[in-house]
């Protein structure tokens, strides 16, 4: 197996419905400007609260992608 180099970035996705949709939103948005996404790791979940009710779910996600040209 050839050596590869990956970069990890931190994203925060939001959803009014669920943490799963919040995490998916982060990955889907990243996929529009990054290529060769490899791993998405949910590292934190939280919610925003307005008027004593949950108004949004938030998922902090670390996403890795391969650096092109690195040890190809």
Protein backbone atom coordinates (compact mmCIF):
# COMPACT_ATOMS: atom_id res chain seq x y z
CA UNK A 1 0.00 0.00 0.00
CA UNK A 2 1.38 3.39 -0.99
CA UNK A 3 1.78 6.08 1.62
CA UNK A 4 -0.86 8.82 1.74
CA UNK A 5 -1.31 12.09 3.58
CA UNK A 6 -4.64 13.27 4.93
CA UNK A 7 -5.87 16.58 6.30
CA UNK A 8 -8.48 16.79 9.05
CA UNK A 9 -10.84 19.74 9.36
CA UNK A 10 -13.48 20.51 11.96
CA UNK A 11 -17.01 21.35 10.85
CA UNK A 12 -20.24 22.09 12.69
CA UNK A 13 -23.48 21.03 11.03
CA UNK A 14 -26.91 22.13 12.20
CA UNK A 15 -30.43 20.79 11.81
CA UNK A 16 -33.81 21.61 13.27
CA UNK A 17 -34.66 17.88 13.23
CA UNK A 18 -31.81 15.70 14.57
CA UNK A 19 -28.11 15.27 15.32
CA UNK A 20 -27.87 12.74 12.49
CA UNK A 21 -29.14 15.29 9.98
CA UNK A 22 -26.80 17.92 11.44
CA UNK A 23 -23.78 15.63 10.94
CA UNK A 24 -24.94 14.70 7.44
CA UNK A 25 -25.34 18.37 6.53
CA UNK A 26 -21.71 19.04 7.48
CA UNK A 27 -20.44 16.18 5.32
CA UNK A 28 -22.70 17.00 2.37
CA UNK A 29 -21.58 20.64 2.37
CA UNK A 30 -17.91 19.68 2.63
CA UNK A 31 -18.29 17.27 -0.30
CA UNK A 32 -19.23 20.18 -2.57
CA UNK A 33 -15.79 21.77 -2.27
CA UNK A 34 -13.50 18.92 -1.16
CA UNK A 35 -12.62 15.72 -3.00
CA UNK A 36 -11.73 12.30 -1.72
CA UNK A 37 -13.42 12.54 1.69
CA UNK A 38 -12.46 9.52 3.79
CA UNK A 39 -13.64 9.59 7.40
CA UNK A 40 -16.18 11.67 9.33
CA UNK A 41 -15.99 11.45 13.11
CA UNK A 42 -18.67 13.04 15.28
CA UNK A 43 -16.77 14.51 18.23
CA UNK A 44 -19.45 16.55 19.99
CA UNK A 45 -23.21 16.92 20.03
CA UNK A 46 -25.14 19.85 21.46
CA UNK A 47 -28.38 21.76 21.07
CA UNK A 48 -29.44 25.36 21.01
CA UNK A 49 -32.40 26.27 23.18
CA UNK A 50 -34.84 29.13 22.63
CA UNK A 51 -37.82 29.80 24.89
CA UNK A 52 -37.09 26.61 26.85
CA UNK A 53 -37.35 24.45 23.72
CA UNK A 54 -34.73 22.84 21.51
CA UNK A 55 -34.43 25.00 18.41
CA UNK A 56 -31.51 23.29 16.68
CA UNK A 57 -29.26 20.25 16.92
CA UNK A 58 -25.55 20.75 16.29
CA UNK A 59 -22.90 18.15 15.47
CA UNK A 60 -19.19 18.93 15.54
CA UNK A 61 -17.58 16.66 12.94
CA UNK A 62 -13.93 16.03 12.07
CA UNK A 63 -13.68 15.19 8.38
CA UNK A 64 -10.55 13.84 6.70
CA UNK A 65 -9.62 13.96 3.05
CA UNK A 66 -6.59 12.86 1.08
CA UNK A 67 -4.11 15.52 0.02
CA UNK A 68 -3.58 15.26 -3.73
CA UNK A 69 -0.02 14.74 -4.90
CA UNK A 70 1.17 13.68 -1.44
CA UNK A 71 3.12 10.46 -1.84
CA UNK A 72 1.06 9.32 -4.84
